[in-house]
Amino acid sequence: MSWIYLAIAIVAEVIGTAALKASDGFTKVQPSIVVLIGYTTAFYLLSLALRTIPVGITYAIWSGFGIILISVASWLFFDQRLDTPAIAGMLFIITGVMIINLFSKSV
């Protein structure tokens, strides 16, 4: 269940972060509410995942997938474009997360 908690936590954090952008500095009520719900859900589920997954591994996966997902969400919803170095960097992040999960004895 910990991996499911982590996956949902990542999605909730990305939703919260996208809503943070949409809240326009907390001046818009509905996105601001989504921010609070998203982050509360994300951190609660993260705390459950941390019961069995080591914190370093959890944070590597959380941050890696979070960066990639929020970049995709920003492209889809806020028309933000990524240049080649940004895409290359994200590919390195994906590679790093895969190396950790496939080869590390820490997982």
Protein backbone atom coordinates (compact mmCIF):
# COMPACT_ATOMS: atom_id res chain seq x y z
CA MET A 1 0.00 0.00 0.00
CA SER A 2 2.90 2.38 0.65
CA TRP A 3 3.70 2.67 -3.04
CA ILE A 4 0.05 3.47 -3.80
CA TYR A 5 0.07 6.11 -1.06
CA LEU A 6 3.21 7.60 -2.57
CA ALA A 7 1.75 7.65 -6.09
CA ILE A 8 -1.44 9.36 -4.94
CA ALA A 9 0.59 11.78 -2.81
CA ILE A 10 2.62 12.80 -5.86
CA VAL A 11 -0.53 13.40 -7.92
CA ALA A 12 -2.12 15.39 -5.08
CA GLU A 13 1.02 17.52 -4.75
CA VAL A 14 1.05 18.23 -8.48
CA ILE A 15 -2.62 19.21 -8.39
CA GLY A 16 -1.90 21.46 -5.41
CA THR A 17 1.05 23.08 -7.16
CA ALA A 18 -0.91 23.67 -10.37
CA ALA A 19 -3.70 25.19 -8.30
CA LEU A 20 -1.13 27.37 -6.53
CA LYS A 21 -0.23 28.90 -9.88
CA ALA A 22 -3.93 29.29 -10.74
CA SER A 23 -4.68 30.89 -7.34
CA ASP A 24 -2.78 34.01 -8.40
CA GLY A 25 -1.18 34.56 -5.01
CA PHE A 26 -4.20 33.20 -3.13
CA THR A 27 -6.43 35.92 -4.59
CA LYS A 28 -8.79 33.38 -6.21
CA VAL A 29 -10.84 31.35 -3.75
CA GLN A 30 -11.50 28.09 -5.62
CA PRO A 31 -7.90 27.39 -6.66
CA SER A 32 -6.77 28.37 -3.15
CA ILE A 33 -9.07 25.73 -1.66
CA VAL A 34 -7.67 23.16 -4.11
CA VAL A 35 -4.15 24.10 -2.95
CA LEU A 36 -5.03 23.41 0.68
CA ILE A 37 -6.76 20.13 -0.09
CA GLY A 38 -4.01 19.01 -2.49
CA TYR A 39 -1.13 19.70 -0.13
CA THR A 40 -2.93 18.33 2.93
CA THR A 41 -3.72 15.12 1.06
CA ALA A 42 -0.20 14.90 -0.36
CA PHE A 43 1.58 15.27 2.97
CA TYR A 44 -0.78 12.94 4.80
CA LEU A 45 -0.30 10.19 2.20
CA LEU A 46 3.44 10.87 2.12
CA SER A 47 3.53 10.30 5.87
CA LEU A 48 1.83 6.94 5.37
CA ALA A 49 4.28 5.94 2.63
CA LEU A 50 7.18 6.82 4.92
CA ARG A 51 6.12 4.11 7.35
CA THR A 52 7.75 1.48 5.14
CA ILE A 53 9.68 3.22 2.33
CA PRO A 54 13.01 4.83 3.31
CA VAL A 55 12.82 8.63 3.38
CA GLY A 56 15.65 9.16 0.87
CA ILE A 57 14.07 6.83 -1.67
CA THR A 58 10.64 8.31 -1.08
CA TYR A 59 11.89 11.85 -1.57
CA ALA A 60 13.85 10.95 -4.72
CA ILE A 61 10.74 9.45 -6.29
CA TRP A 62 8.47 12.22 -4.97
CA SER A 63 10.64 15.02 -6.30
CA GLY A 64 11.54 13.31 -9.58
CA PHE A 65 8.03 12.44 -10.62
CA GLY A 66 6.70 15.70 -9.18
CA ILE A 67 9.06 17.76 -11.36
CA ILE A 68 8.11 15.86 -14.46
CA LEU A 69 4.36 15.87 -13.82
CA ILE A 70 4.19 19.57 -12.91
CA SER A 71 6.19 20.38 -16.04
CA VAL A 72 3.68 18.48 -18.15
CA ALA A 73 0.76 20.12 -16.32
CA SER A 74 2.33 23.56 -16.83
CA TRP A 75 2.70 22.85 -20.53
CA LEU A 76 -0.92 21.65 -20.83
CA PHE A 77 -2.67 24.21 -18.64
CA PHE A 78 -0.42 27.28 -18.52
CA ASP A 79 1.18 27.14 -21.98
CA GLN A 80 4.67 26.99 -20.50
CA ARG A 81 7.26 25.58 -22.89
CA LEU A 82 10.35 23.56 -22.09
CA ASP A 83 13.62 23.95 -23.96
CA THR A 84 15.99 21.13 -24.87
CA PRO A 85 18.16 21.40 -21.72
CA ALA A 86 15.05 21.23 -19.52
CA ILE A 87 13.82 18.12 -21.31
CA ALA A 88 17.29 16.55 -21.12
CA GLY A 89 17.43 17.28 -17.39
CA MET A 90 14.07 15.58 -16.88
CA LEU A 91 15.31 12.54 -18.77
CA PHE A 92 18.24 12.41 -16.34
CA ILE A 93 15.77 12.56 -13.45
CA ILE A 94 13.78 9.66 -14.90
CA THR A 95 17.01 7.72 -15.39
CA GLY A 96 18.07 8.40 -11.80
CA VAL A 97 14.75 7.25 -10.36
CA MET A 98 14.92 4.10 -12.49
CA ILE A 99 18.48 3.36 -11.33
CA ILE A 100 17.43 3.76 -7.71
CA ASN A 101 14.42 1.47 -8.09
CA LEU A 102 16.11 -1.17 -10.22
CA PHE A 103 19.57 -1.43 -8.70
CA SER A 104 19.68 0.11 -5.23
CA LYS A 105 19.51 -2.13 -2.21
CA SER A 106 18.03 0.84 -0.33
CA VAL A 107 14.59 0.34 -1.85
